[in-house]
Amino acid sequence: MIRNTVGAVRGTVAGLVLVGLGQGVLVGIGYFIAGTPHPALLTLVTAVVSVIPFCGPILLCVTTLMTFAANGVMQAVIVGVIGTIAYGAGDHFVRPKLISGSTSIPFLAVLTAILGGLHVFGLLGLFIGPAVIAVALSLWRTAAAEERAR
């Protein structure tokens, strides 16, 4: 049970924080390439916001529109394509592998725990939620194993 809990927290930290920061940096490169206004500040904001699931793509839409308004269609397409690739690869391949790979907890359960923890406990809930779900699943599996043994 302890191993699953520690693995869930480690996987969540790696999956949320590291992947979010990486996505922010990749999208930030797009900001610099496209000449988006205030690219360094937007890169920092994007990296921080990308730690929270589903928030990064919302900011990407806003910055793509901002780039379109400031520099035109081609630069906005550059930001949109680089951002879509960064968020697509990170959210669909890297993040699930990092979060679920360290535990035997399904990714959808961890994602639900992350979002529920965020809703109930705020930013600290990003890490409390997966720990709670790890303990709950460990207790469930232990009870099911004992029931099968009878």
Protein backbone atom coordinates (compact mmCIF):
# COMPACT_ATOMS: atom_id res chain seq x y z
CA MET A 1 0.00 0.00 0.00
CA ILE A 2 2.79 2.43 0.89
CA ARG A 3 4.65 1.59 -2.32
CA ASN A 4 1.58 2.42 -4.43
CA THR A 5 1.01 5.68 -2.56
CA VAL A 6 4.61 6.83 -2.94
CA GLY A 7 4.60 5.72 -6.59
CA ALA A 8 1.38 7.63 -7.24
CA VAL A 9 2.79 10.84 -5.79
CA ARG A 10 6.09 10.44 -7.64
CA GLY A 11 4.33 9.66 -10.90
CA THR A 12 2.02 12.62 -10.43
CA VAL A 13 4.92 14.98 -9.77
CA ALA A 14 6.78 13.71 -12.82
CA GLY A 15 3.68 13.60 -14.99
CA LEU A 16 2.26 16.96 -14.03
CA VAL A 17 5.19 19.16 -13.15
CA LEU A 18 7.91 17.94 -15.49
CA VAL A 19 5.65 17.36 -18.48
CA GLY A 20 3.87 20.68 -17.89
CA LEU A 21 7.12 22.59 -17.71
CA GLY A 22 8.40 20.79 -20.81
CA GLN A 23 5.24 21.62 -22.72
CA GLY A 24 5.54 25.25 -21.66
CA VAL A 25 9.12 25.44 -22.90
CA LEU A 26 8.23 23.83 -26.24
CA VAL A 27 5.31 26.18 -26.77
CA GLY A 28 7.58 29.06 -25.70
CA ILE A 29 9.96 28.17 -28.50
CA GLY A 30 7.01 28.60 -30.83
CA TYR A 31 6.36 32.02 -29.31
CA PHE A 32 9.92 33.10 -30.04
CA ILE A 33 9.88 31.68 -33.58
CA ALA A 34 6.57 33.35 -34.43
CA GLY A 35 7.43 36.69 -32.85
CA THR A 36 4.58 36.60 -30.34
CA PRO A 37 4.54 39.74 -28.17
CA HIS A 38 6.28 39.23 -24.80
CA PRO A 39 7.49 35.69 -25.56
CA ALA A 40 9.57 35.24 -22.39
CA LEU A 41 6.72 36.22 -20.09
CA LEU A 42 4.24 34.09 -22.02
CA THR A 43 6.63 31.13 -21.92
CA LEU A 44 6.85 31.40 -18.13
CA VAL A 45 3.08 31.71 -17.75
CA THR A 46 2.49 28.83 -20.18
CA ALA A 47 4.92 26.57 -18.32
CA VAL A 48 3.27 27.27 -14.96
CA VAL A 49 -0.28 26.93 -16.29
CA SER A 50 0.56 23.71 -18.16
CA VAL A 51 1.16 21.93 -14.86
CA ILE A 52 -2.62 21.90 -14.33
CA PRO A 53 -4.32 19.48 -16.75
CA PHE A 54 -6.40 21.07 -19.53
CA CYS A 55 -5.31 24.64 -18.72
CA GLY A 56 -2.36 24.85 -21.10
CA PRO A 57 -4.37 24.35 -24.30
CA ILE A 58 -6.77 27.10 -23.23
CA LEU A 59 -3.85 29.51 -22.87
CA LEU A 60 -2.49 28.25 -26.21
CA CYS A 61 -5.74 29.31 -27.91
CA VAL A 62 -5.49 32.76 -26.36
CA THR A 63 -1.85 33.23 -27.34
CA THR A 64 -2.53 31.95 -30.85
CA LEU A 65 -5.24 34.58 -31.26
CA MET A 66 -2.92 37.19 -29.78
CA THR A 67 -0.20 36.20 -32.24
CA PHE A 68 -2.71 36.37 -35.09
CA ALA A 69 -3.75 39.88 -34.05
CA ALA A 70 -0.15 41.07 -33.72
CA ASN A 71 1.66 39.27 -36.55
CA GLY A 72 -0.79 37.64 -38.94
CA VAL A 73 -1.96 34.22 -40.00
CA MET A 74 1.33 32.44 -40.68
CA GLN A 75 2.84 33.24 -37.28
CA ALA A 76 -0.39 32.20 -35.54
CA VAL A 77 -0.31 28.89 -37.43
CA ILE A 78 3.28 28.33 -36.26
CA VAL A 79 2.29 28.85 -32.61
CA GLY A 80 -0.82 26.70 -33.03
CA VAL A 81 0.99 23.80 -34.70
CA ILE A 82 3.92 23.75 -32.26
CA GLY A 83 1.53 24.00 -29.32
CA THR A 84 -0.75 21.28 -30.65
CA ILE A 85 2.19 18.92 -31.13
CA ALA A 86 3.59 19.70 -27.67
CA TYR A 87 0.27 19.27 -25.86
CA GLY A 88 -0.81 16.30 -27.98
CA ALA A 89 2.36 14.32 -27.38
CA GLY A 90 2.66 15.33 -23.73
CA ASP A 91 -0.96 14.79 -22.73
CA HIS A 92 -1.61 11.62 -24.74
CA PHE A 93 1.68 9.75 -24.51
CA VAL A 94 4.23 11.09 -22.03
CA ARG A 95 2.00 12.11 -19.10
CA PRO A 96 -0.04 8.86 -18.96
CA LYS A 97 3.15 6.79 -19.17
CA LEU A 98 4.82 8.71 -16.34
CA ILE A 99 1.77 8.77 -14.08
CA SER A 100 0.53 5.21 -14.58
CA GLY A 101 3.92 3.65 -15.20
CA SER A 102 5.10 4.03 -11.61
CA THR A 103 2.00 2.39 -10.10
CA SER A 104 -0.59 -0.18 -11.00
CA ILE A 105 -3.29 2.48 -10.95
CA PRO A 106 -5.12 3.16 -14.23
CA PHE A 107 -4.42 6.56 -15.74
CA LEU A 108 -8.09 7.53 -15.82
CA ALA A 109 -8.36 6.91 -12.06
CA VAL A 110 -5.27 9.04 -11.44
CA LEU A 111 -6.58 11.82 -13.70
CA THR A 112 -9.91 11.79 -11.86
CA ALA A 113 -8.06 11.93 -8.54
CA ILE A 114 -5.92 14.83 -9.76
CA LEU A 115 -8.91 16.85 -10.92
CA GLY A 116 -10.96 15.98 -7.82
CA GLY A 117 -8.05 16.84 -5.54
CA LEU A 118 -7.55 20.12 -7.39
CA HIS A 119 -11.22 20.95 -6.95
CA VAL A 120 -11.34 20.07 -3.24
CA PHE A 121 -7.88 21.03 -1.96
CA GLY A 122 -6.60 23.53 -4.53
CA LEU A 123 -3.08 23.17 -5.92
CA LEU A 124 -2.04 20.87 -3.08
CA GLY A 125 -4.85 18.57 -4.20
CA LEU A 126 -2.87 17.79 -7.36
CA PHE A 127 -0.77 15.55 -5.12
CA ILE A 128 -3.24 14.65 -2.36
CA GLY A 129 -5.81 13.23 -4.80
CA PRO A 130 -3.54 10.55 -6.32
CA ALA A 131 -2.28 9.56 -2.87
CA VAL A 132 -5.86 9.07 -1.66
CA ILE A 133 -6.81 7.04 -4.74
CA ALA A 134 -3.68 4.87 -4.32
CA VAL A 135 -4.63 4.06 -0.73
CA ALA A 136 -8.26 3.42 -1.69
CA LEU A 137 -7.31 1.08 -4.54
CA SER A 138 -4.81 -0.77 -2.34
CA LEU A 139 -7.48 -1.31 0.31
CA TRP A 140 -9.97 -2.41 -2.36
CA ARG A 141 -7.50 -4.91 -3.85
CA THR A 142 -6.58 -6.27 -0.42
CA ALA A 143 -10.24 -6.76 0.50
CA ALA A 144 -10.93 -8.43 -2.85
CA ALA A 145 -7.96 -10.77 -2.41
CA GLU A 146 -9.14 -11.73 1.09
CA GLU A 147 -12.67 -12.36 -0.23
CA ARG A 148 -11.31 -14.62 -2.98
CA ALA A 149 -9.22 -16.52 -0.43
CA ARG A 150 -12.35 -17.49 1.55
